[in-house]
Amino acid sequence: MGYNWKWRKNHGNCRDDGKNEKKYRKTYDIRVFIFKAGDQVLKYYNLSNTLETLFDKTWTEINSNAPFLAGQIQLGTYEFLLIAPATSNTVAKISLRIADTLLTNAAVMGQKTSTPLYIMPTDFKEGSVITKLPNGKDLEIKITPEDAEHVKNYLKCPTPSF
């Protein structure tokens, strides 16, 4: 059984002790595809080595087709695609079927092939969120009505999953 776990740039807390990933790695064949922006955030938070230690199979985006995750989705290699976390920008692109990144290309292909797609949006509710910066300071992020609207628009798509 295989599935993808997407590491994505996020306005929430990027830190995780890895206990859940270690537990599921023993049961499932987890493949981690890191989006370019996610790679930048991992480096900013000094988490790149941690992620590569937790997971045996990690790839970083070169372009929207490299690695060729959309092709693997077409072939039915994975039972489902998990995108977590996903910003309102990513959710908006998926709802509009804009496939211009590794992440959105794979998601749109998943929609076309009826591969179950699970998305954990970060910007689903208007208001403020506090996140920790690498230096330990708090940063307040404001989620706009437009950000939250992207998630609502995605819910109008055929077979959306959160």
N, C-alpha and C. Protein backbone atom coordinates (compact mmCIF):
# COMPACT_ATOMS: atom_id res chain seq x y z
N MET A 1 0.85 -1.17 0.00
CA MET A 1 0.00 0.00 0.00
C MET A 1 0.90 1.24 0.00
N GLY A 2 0.68 2.14 -0.92
CA GLY A 2 1.50 3.34 -0.97
C GLY A 2 0.66 4.59 -0.97
N TYR A 3 1.20 5.64 -0.41
CA TYR A 3 0.56 6.93 -0.54
C TYR A 3 1.61 8.02 -0.47
N ASN A 4 1.21 9.19 -0.88
CA ASN A 4 2.12 10.33 -0.87
C ASN A 4 1.79 11.23 0.29
N TRP A 5 2.80 11.80 0.86
CA TRP A 5 2.65 12.79 1.91
C TRP A 5 3.38 14.01 1.41
N LYS A 6 2.70 15.11 1.29
CA LYS A 6 3.30 16.32 0.74
C LYS A 6 3.75 17.22 1.87
N TRP A 7 4.97 17.65 1.82
CA TRP A 7 5.44 18.66 2.76
C TRP A 7 5.31 19.99 2.06
N ARG A 8 4.55 20.86 2.60
CA ARG A 8 4.19 22.09 1.93
C ARG A 8 4.44 23.27 2.84
N LYS A 9 4.82 24.37 2.27
CA LYS A 9 4.95 25.62 3.00
C LYS A 9 3.63 25.89 3.70
N ASN A 10 3.70 26.40 4.93
CA ASN A 10 2.48 26.47 5.72
C ASN A 10 2.56 27.63 6.69
N HIS A 11 1.42 28.15 7.04
CA HIS A 11 1.38 29.25 8.00
C HIS A 11 1.19 28.75 9.42
N GLY A 12 1.19 27.46 9.60
CA GLY A 12 1.04 26.88 10.92
C GLY A 12 2.39 26.49 11.47
N ASN A 13 2.39 25.63 12.45
CA ASN A 13 3.62 25.21 13.09
C ASN A 13 4.28 24.10 12.28
N CYS A 14 5.49 24.34 11.80
CA CYS A 14 6.22 23.37 10.98
C CYS A 14 6.89 22.30 11.82
N ARG A 15 6.96 22.49 13.10
CA ARG A 15 7.71 21.54 13.93
C ARG A 15 6.85 20.33 14.30
N ASP A 16 7.46 19.16 14.21
CA ASP A 16 6.78 17.90 14.55
C ASP A 16 7.86 16.97 15.06
N ASP A 17 7.54 16.20 16.08
CA ASP A 17 8.55 15.30 16.64
C ASP A 17 8.74 14.04 15.82
N GLY A 18 7.90 13.82 14.81
CA GLY A 18 8.08 12.68 13.92
C GLY A 18 7.49 11.38 14.42
N LYS A 19 6.87 11.37 15.59
CA LYS A 19 6.34 10.12 16.14
C LYS A 19 5.26 9.52 15.24
N ASN A 20 4.35 10.34 14.72
CA ASN A 20 3.30 9.82 13.85
C ASN A 20 3.89 9.26 12.56
N GLU A 21 4.82 9.97 11.98
CA GLU A 21 5.42 9.51 10.73
C GLU A 21 6.15 8.18 10.94
N LYS A 22 6.87 8.05 12.04
CA LYS A 22 7.58 6.80 12.31
C LYS A 22 6.60 5.64 12.46
N LYS A 23 5.49 5.90 13.13
CA LYS A 23 4.49 4.86 13.36
C LYS A 23 3.90 4.39 12.03
N TYR A 24 3.52 5.32 11.17
CA TYR A 24 2.88 4.95 9.91
C TYR A 24 3.88 4.41 8.89
N ARG A 25 5.12 4.82 8.99
CA ARG A 25 6.13 4.34 8.05
C ARG A 25 6.30 2.83 8.15
N LYS A 26 6.07 2.27 9.34
CA LYS A 26 6.20 0.83 9.52
C LYS A 26 5.05 0.08 8.85
N THR A 27 3.91 0.73 8.69
CA THR A 27 2.72 0.09 8.14
C THR A 27 2.54 0.37 6.67
N TYR A 28 2.89 1.56 6.23
CA TYR A 28 2.63 2.01 4.86
C TYR A 28 3.91 2.37 4.13
N ASP A 29 3.86 2.29 2.83
CA ASP A 29 4.96 2.74 1.97
C ASP A 29 4.71 4.23 1.70
N ILE A 30 5.33 5.08 2.50
CA ILE A 30 5.11 6.52 2.40
C ILE A 30 6.18 7.14 1.52
N ARG A 31 5.75 7.89 0.53
CA ARG A 31 6.65 8.62 -0.36
C ARG A 31 6.43 10.10 -0.13
N VAL A 32 7.48 10.84 0.14
CA VAL A 32 7.37 12.27 0.42
C VAL A 32 7.89 13.05 -0.77
N PHE A 33 7.03 13.88 -1.33
CA PHE A 33 7.40 14.75 -2.44
C PHE A 33 7.36 16.18 -1.91
N ILE A 34 8.50 16.83 -1.94
CA ILE A 34 8.63 18.15 -1.34
C ILE A 34 8.52 19.21 -2.43
N PHE A 35 7.57 20.07 -2.27
CA PHE A 35 7.34 21.19 -3.16
C PHE A 35 8.49 22.20 -3.00
N LYS A 36 8.83 22.93 -4.06
CA LYS A 36 9.95 23.88 -3.99
C LYS A 36 9.84 24.82 -2.80
N ALA A 37 8.66 25.42 -2.62
CA ALA A 37 8.47 26.35 -1.50
C ALA A 37 8.58 25.62 -0.17
N GLY A 38 8.09 24.38 -0.12
CA GLY A 38 8.21 23.59 1.09
C GLY A 38 9.65 23.29 1.44
N ASP A 39 10.47 23.04 0.42
CA ASP A 39 11.89 22.80 0.63
C ASP A 39 12.55 24.03 1.24
N GLN A 40 12.16 25.17 0.75
CA GLN A 40 12.71 26.43 1.28
C GLN A 40 12.34 26.60 2.76
N VAL A 41 11.09 26.28 3.12
CA VAL A 41 10.65 26.39 4.50
C VAL A 41 11.35 25.36 5.39
N LEU A 42 11.51 24.13 4.89
CA LEU A 42 12.24 23.11 5.65
C LEU A 42 13.65 23.58 5.99
N LYS A 43 14.31 24.18 5.02
CA LYS A 43 15.67 24.68 5.26
C LYS A 43 15.65 25.84 6.24
N TYR A 44 14.67 26.72 6.13
CA TYR A 44 14.54 27.88 7.01
C TYR A 44 14.36 27.43 8.46
N TYR A 45 13.58 26.36 8.66
CA TYR A 45 13.34 25.83 10.01
C TYR A 45 14.35 24.75 10.40
N ASN A 46 15.35 24.52 9.55
CA ASN A 46 16.38 23.52 9.80
C ASN A 46 15.78 22.12 10.02
N LEU A 47 14.84 21.76 9.14
CA LEU A 47 14.15 20.47 9.26
C LEU A 47 14.43 19.52 8.10
N SER A 48 15.23 19.92 7.13
CA SER A 48 15.48 19.07 5.97
C SER A 48 16.05 17.71 6.36
N ASN A 49 17.07 17.72 7.19
CA ASN A 49 17.70 16.45 7.60
C ASN A 49 16.74 15.60 8.42
N THR A 50 15.93 16.23 9.25
CA THR A 50 14.95 15.50 10.05
C THR A 50 13.98 14.75 9.16
N LEU A 51 13.47 15.42 8.15
CA LEU A 51 12.51 14.80 7.24
C LEU A 51 13.14 13.62 6.50
N GLU A 52 14.36 13.82 6.02
CA GLU A 52 15.04 12.75 5.28
C GLU A 52 15.39 11.57 6.20
N THR A 53 15.58 11.83 7.47
CA THR A 53 15.83 10.77 8.43
C THR A 53 14.55 9.98 8.72
N LEU A 54 13.42 10.69 8.81
CA LEU A 54 12.15 10.04 9.11
C LEU A 54 11.63 9.19 7.97
N PHE A 55 11.90 9.61 6.73
CA PHE A 55 11.36 8.93 5.56
C PHE A 55 12.49 8.49 4.64
N ASP A 56 12.38 7.26 4.16
CA ASP A 56 13.40 6.71 3.27
C ASP A 56 13.27 7.24 1.85
N LYS A 57 12.06 7.59 1.46
CA LYS A 57 11.80 7.96 0.06
C LYS A 57 11.33 9.41 -0.01
N THR A 58 12.24 10.32 -0.28
CA THR A 58 11.89 11.73 -0.41
C THR A 58 12.42 12.27 -1.74
N TRP A 59 11.60 13.10 -2.35
CA TRP A 59 11.99 13.77 -3.60
C TRP A 59 11.63 15.24 -3.49
N THR A 60 12.43 16.08 -4.11
CA THR A 60 12.15 17.52 -4.12
C THR A 60 11.83 17.95 -5.54
N GLU A 61 10.82 18.79 -5.66
CA GLU A 61 10.37 19.28 -6.96
C GLU A 61 11.48 19.98 -7.74
N ILE A 62 11.62 19.62 -9.00
CA ILE A 62 12.48 20.33 -9.95
C ILE A 62 11.59 21.23 -10.80
N ASN A 63 10.50 20.65 -11.30
CA ASN A 63 9.47 21.41 -12.01
C ASN A 63 8.16 20.64 -11.87
N SER A 64 7.11 21.08 -12.54
CA SER A 64 5.79 20.47 -12.34
C SER A 64 5.72 19.01 -12.78
N ASN A 65 6.70 18.54 -13.55
CA ASN A 65 6.73 17.15 -13.99
C ASN A 65 7.98 16.40 -13.55
N ALA A 66 8.74 16.97 -12.68
CA ALA A 66 9.94 16.28 -12.21
C ALA A 66 10.08 16.48 -10.70
N PRO A 67 9.99 15.39 -9.95
CA PRO A 67 9.76 14.03 -10.40
C PRO A 67 8.37 13.88 -11.00
N PHE A 68 8.17 12.83 -11.77
CA PHE A 68 6.94 12.67 -12.55
C PHE A 68 5.84 12.02 -11.71
N LEU A 69 5.44 12.72 -10.68
CA LEU A 69 4.40 12.24 -9.78
C LEU A 69 3.06 12.11 -10.49
N ALA A 70 2.73 13.05 -11.37
CA ALA A 70 1.45 12.97 -12.11
C ALA A 70 1.39 11.67 -12.92
N GLY A 71 2.50 11.26 -13.49
CA GLY A 71 2.54 10.00 -14.24
C GLY A 71 2.30 8.81 -13.33
N GLN A 72 2.87 8.84 -12.13
CA GLN A 72 2.65 7.76 -11.18
C GLN A 72 1.18 7.72 -10.75
N ILE A 73 0.56 8.89 -10.63
CA ILE A 73 -0.87 8.96 -10.31
C ILE A 73 -1.67 8.32 -11.45
N GLN A 74 -1.32 8.66 -12.70
CA GLN A 74 -2.00 8.09 -13.86
C GLN A 74 -1.94 6.57 -13.86
N LEU A 75 -0.80 6.03 -13.48
CA LEU A 75 -0.60 4.57 -13.48
C LEU A 75 -1.27 3.86 -12.31
N GLY A 76 -1.83 4.63 -11.40
CA GLY A 76 -2.48 4.02 -10.24
C GLY A 76 -1.52 3.50 -9.20
N THR A 77 -0.33 4.08 -9.14
CA THR A 77 0.70 3.64 -8.20
C THR A 77 0.27 3.85 -6.75
N TYR A 78 -0.55 4.86 -6.51
CA TYR A 78 -0.93 5.21 -5.14
C TYR A 78 -2.43 5.04 -4.93
N GLU A 79 -2.79 4.62 -3.73
CA GLU A 79 -4.20 4.47 -3.38
C GLU A 79 -4.86 5.82 -3.16
N PHE A 80 -4.09 6.79 -2.71
CA PHE A 80 -4.62 8.13 -2.50
C PHE A 80 -3.47 9.12 -2.46
N LEU A 81 -3.82 10.39 -2.53
CA LEU A 81 -2.85 11.48 -2.47
C LEU A 81 -3.23 12.37 -1.29
N LEU A 82 -2.30 12.58 -0.39
CA LEU A 82 -2.51 13.43 0.78
C LEU A 82 -1.66 14.68 0.62
N ILE A 83 -2.29 15.82 0.66
CA ILE A 83 -1.57 17.10 0.58
C ILE A 83 -1.77 17.80 1.91
N ALA A 84 -0.70 17.86 2.68
CA ALA A 84 -0.81 18.42 4.02
C ALA A 84 0.51 19.03 4.43
N PRO A 85 0.47 20.27 4.80
CA PRO A 85 -0.62 21.22 4.73
C PRO A 85 -0.70 21.87 3.35
N ALA A 86 -1.82 22.52 3.05
CA ALA A 86 -2.01 23.20 1.76
C ALA A 86 -2.48 24.63 2.00
N THR A 87 -1.78 25.58 1.44
CA THR A 87 -2.17 26.98 1.57
C THR A 87 -3.38 27.29 0.70
N SER A 88 -3.98 28.44 0.92
CA SER A 88 -5.14 28.83 0.11
C SER A 88 -4.75 28.97 -1.35
N ASN A 89 -3.52 29.35 -1.62
CA ASN A 89 -3.04 29.46 -3.01
C ASN A 89 -3.07 28.09 -3.68
N THR A 90 -2.57 27.08 -3.00
CA THR A 90 -2.57 25.72 -3.56
C THR A 90 -3.99 25.20 -3.73
N VAL A 91 -4.84 25.41 -2.73
CA VAL A 91 -6.22 24.95 -2.81
C VAL A 91 -6.94 25.66 -3.97
N ALA A 92 -6.70 26.96 -4.13
CA ALA A 92 -7.32 27.71 -5.23
C ALA A 92 -6.89 27.14 -6.58
N LYS A 93 -5.60 26.88 -6.73
CA LYS A 93 -5.11 26.32 -7.99
C LYS A 93 -5.75 24.96 -8.28
N ILE A 94 -5.87 24.13 -7.27
CA ILE A 94 -6.48 22.81 -7.48
C ILE A 94 -7.95 22.96 -7.87
N SER A 95 -8.66 23.86 -7.19
CA SER A 95 -10.08 24.03 -7.50
C SER A 95 -10.28 24.59 -8.91
N LEU A 96 -9.32 25.38 -9.38
CA LEU A 96 -9.39 25.93 -10.74
C LEU A 96 -8.70 25.02 -11.76
N ARG A 97 -8.12 23.90 -11.27
CA ARG A 97 -7.41 22.92 -12.10
C ARG A 97 -6.20 23.54 -12.81
N ILE A 98 -5.50 24.39 -12.07
CA ILE A 98 -4.24 24.96 -12.56
C ILE A 98 -3.12 24.04 -12.10
N ALA A 99 -2.49 23.35 -13.04
CA ALA A 99 -1.50 22.32 -12.74
C ALA A 99 -0.10 22.80 -13.08
N ASP A 100 0.35 23.85 -12.42
CA ASP A 100 1.64 24.45 -12.78
C ASP A 100 2.76 24.17 -11.79
N THR A 101 2.51 23.31 -10.80
CA THR A 101 3.55 22.90 -9.85
C THR A 101 3.45 21.38 -9.68
N LEU A 102 4.46 20.79 -9.11
CA LEU A 102 4.43 19.35 -8.83
C LEU A 102 3.18 18.98 -8.05
N LEU A 103 2.90 19.76 -7.03
CA LEU A 103 1.77 19.51 -6.14
C LEU A 103 0.43 19.64 -6.85
N THR A 104 0.21 20.75 -7.52
CA THR A 104 -1.08 20.97 -8.18
C THR A 104 -1.23 20.07 -9.40
N ASN A 105 -0.16 19.77 -10.10
CA ASN A 105 -0.21 18.86 -11.24
C ASN A 105 -0.65 17.47 -10.80
N ALA A 106 -0.07 16.98 -9.71
CA ALA A 106 -0.44 15.66 -9.19
C ALA A 106 -1.88 15.65 -8.71
N ALA A 107 -2.31 16.73 -8.04
CA ALA A 107 -3.68 16.79 -7.54
C ALA A 107 -4.69 16.81 -8.67
N VAL A 108 -4.43 17.62 -9.69
CA VAL A 108 -5.35 17.68 -10.83
C VAL A 108 -5.40 16.34 -11.56
N MET A 109 -4.25 15.69 -11.70
CA MET A 109 -4.24 14.37 -12.33
C MET A 109 -5.01 13.38 -11.46
N GLY A 110 -4.88 13.51 -10.15
CA GLY A 110 -5.65 12.67 -9.25
C GLY A 110 -7.15 12.87 -9.43
N GLN A 111 -7.56 14.12 -9.61
CA GLN A 111 -8.98 14.40 -9.86
C GLN A 111 -9.42 13.74 -11.17
N LYS A 112 -8.58 13.83 -12.19
CA LYS A 112 -8.94 13.28 -13.50
C LYS A 112 -9.02 11.76 -13.49
N THR A 113 -8.22 11.11 -12.65
CA THR A 113 -8.18 9.65 -12.62
C THR A 113 -8.98 9.06 -11.46
N SER A 114 -9.71 9.93 -10.75
CA SER A 114 -10.52 9.52 -9.59
C SER A 114 -9.69 8.91 -8.47
N THR A 115 -8.44 9.34 -8.37
CA THR A 115 -7.60 8.95 -7.24
C THR A 115 -8.06 9.76 -6.04
N PRO A 116 -8.38 9.13 -4.93
CA PRO A 116 -8.81 9.90 -3.77
C PRO A 116 -7.76 10.94 -3.38
N LEU A 117 -8.22 12.15 -3.15
CA LEU A 117 -7.37 13.29 -2.84
C LEU A 117 -7.80 13.86 -1.50
N TYR A 118 -6.87 13.91 -0.55
CA TYR A 118 -7.15 14.46 0.77
C TYR A 118 -6.28 15.69 0.98
N ILE A 119 -6.92 16.79 1.35
CA ILE A 119 -6.21 18.06 1.51
C ILE A 119 -6.44 18.59 2.91
N MET A 120 -5.37 19.03 3.55
CA MET A 120 -5.47 19.69 4.84
C MET A 120 -5.16 21.17 4.62
N PRO A 121 -6.19 21.99 4.44
CA PRO A 121 -5.95 23.41 4.18
C PRO A 121 -5.53 24.15 5.45
N THR A 122 -4.62 25.10 5.29
CA THR A 122 -4.19 25.91 6.43
C THR A 122 -5.03 27.17 6.58
N ASP A 123 -5.58 27.65 5.49
CA ASP A 123 -6.25 28.96 5.49
C ASP A 123 -7.75 28.81 5.29
N PHE A 124 -8.40 27.98 6.08
CA PHE A 124 -9.81 27.67 5.85
C PHE A 124 -10.76 28.56 6.64
N LYS A 125 -10.26 29.28 7.62
CA LYS A 125 -11.12 30.10 8.47
C LYS A 125 -10.53 31.50 8.61
N GLU A 126 -11.35 32.48 8.32
CA GLU A 126 -10.91 33.88 8.45
C GLU A 126 -10.54 34.17 9.90
N GLY A 127 -9.47 34.94 10.07
CA GLY A 127 -9.03 35.31 11.42
C GLY A 127 -7.52 35.29 11.51
N SER A 128 -7.02 35.17 12.72
CA SER A 128 -5.59 35.19 12.96
C SER A 128 -5.09 33.85 13.47
N VAL A 129 -3.87 33.53 13.10
CA VAL A 129 -3.19 32.32 13.54
C VAL A 129 -1.81 32.73 14.03
N ILE A 130 -1.37 32.15 15.12
CA ILE A 130 -0.03 32.41 15.64
C ILE A 130 0.86 31.24 15.25
N THR A 131 2.00 31.55 14.65
CA THR A 131 2.98 30.53 14.29
C THR A 131 4.31 30.87 14.95
N LYS A 132 5.17 29.89 15.08
CA LYS A 132 6.51 30.09 15.65
C LYS A 132 7.52 30.24 14.53
N LEU A 133 8.35 31.24 14.64
CA LEU A 133 9.45 31.45 13.70
C LEU A 133 10.65 30.61 14.15
N PRO A 134 11.62 30.39 13.28
CA PRO A 134 12.79 29.61 13.67
C PRO A 134 13.52 30.16 14.89
N ASN A 135 13.43 31.48 15.10
CA ASN A 135 14.12 32.08 16.26
C ASN A 135 13.29 31.97 17.53
N GLY A 136 12.12 31.30 17.47
CA GLY A 136 11.29 31.09 18.64
C GLY A 136 10.23 32.16 18.87
N LYS A 137 10.31 33.26 18.13
CA LYS A 137 9.33 34.32 18.29
C LYS A 137 8.00 33.94 17.64
N ASP A 138 6.93 34.51 18.17
CA ASP A 138 5.61 34.31 17.60
C ASP A 138 5.40 35.27 16.43
N LEU A 139 4.65 34.80 15.44
CA LEU A 139 4.26 35.64 14.31
C LEU A 139 2.77 35.46 14.08
N GLU A 140 2.04 36.56 14.02
CA GLU A 140 0.61 36.51 13.76
C GLU A 140 0.38 36.58 12.26
N ILE A 141 -0.35 35.59 11.75
CA ILE A 141 -0.71 35.53 10.34
C ILE A 141 -2.21 35.80 10.24
N LYS A 142 -2.60 36.70 9.36
CA LYS A 142 -4.01 37.00 9.18
C LYS A 142 -4.55 36.25 7.97
N ILE A 143 -5.58 35.45 8.20
CA ILE A 143 -6.26 34.72 7.13
C ILE A 143 -7.40 35.60 6.64
N THR A 144 -7.35 36.00 5.40
CA THR A 144 -8.33 36.92 4.84
C THR A 144 -9.59 36.18 4.41
N PRO A 145 -10.68 36.91 4.19
CA PRO A 145 -11.89 36.27 3.66
C PRO A 145 -11.61 35.61 2.31
N GLU A 146 -10.74 36.21 1.50
CA GLU A 146 -10.39 35.64 0.20
C GLU A 146 -9.68 34.31 0.35
N ASP A 147 -8.78 34.21 1.33
CA ASP A 147 -8.09 32.94 1.59
C ASP A 147 -9.10 31.85 1.92
N ALA A 148 -10.00 32.14 2.85
CA ALA A 148 -11.00 31.16 3.26
C ALA A 148 -11.95 30.81 2.11
N GLU A 149 -12.20 31.76 1.24
CA GLU A 149 -13.10 31.53 0.10
C GLU A 149 -12.54 30.49 -0.86
N HIS A 150 -11.22 30.43 -1.01
CA HIS A 150 -10.61 29.42 -1.89
C HIS A 150 -10.96 28.01 -1.43
N VAL A 151 -10.96 27.81 -0.13
CA VAL A 151 -11.31 26.49 0.41
C VAL A 151 -12.78 26.19 0.12
N LYS A 152 -13.64 27.18 0.32
CA LYS A 152 -15.07 26.99 0.02
C LYS A 152 -15.27 26.66 -1.46
N ASN A 153 -14.52 27.32 -2.33
CA ASN A 153 -14.63 27.03 -3.77
C ASN A 153 -14.18 25.61 -4.09
N TYR A 154 -13.15 25.14 -3.41
CA TYR A 154 -12.69 23.78 -3.63
C TYR A 154 -13.78 22.77 -3.25
N LEU A 155 -14.52 23.08 -2.19
CA LEU A 155 -15.57 22.17 -1.74
C LEU A 155 -16.66 21.99 -2.79
N LYS A 156 -16.75 22.91 -3.74
CA LYS A 156 -17.73 22.82 -4.82
C LYS A 156 -17.26 21.89 -5.95
N CYS A 157 -15.98 21.50 -5.92
CA CYS A 157 -15.43 20.59 -6.93
C CYS A 157 -16.01 19.20 -6.76
N PRO A 158 -16.01 18.42 -7.86
CA PRO A 158 -16.47 17.03 -7.72
C PRO A 158 -15.57 16.26 -6.75
N THR A 159 -16.14 15.55 -5.83
CA THR A 159 -15.50 14.69 -4.84
C THR A 159 -14.34 15.35 -4.09
N PRO A 160 -14.58 16.53 -3.48
CA PRO A 160 -13.52 17.13 -2.67
C PRO A 160 -13.37 16.37 -1.35
N SER A 161 -12.15 16.34 -0.82
CA SER A 161 -11.90 15.70 0.47
C SER A 161 -10.99 16.56 1.29
N PHE A 162 -11.34 16.71 2.55
CA PHE A 162 -10.46 17.41 3.50
C PHE A 162 -10.18 16.48 4.63
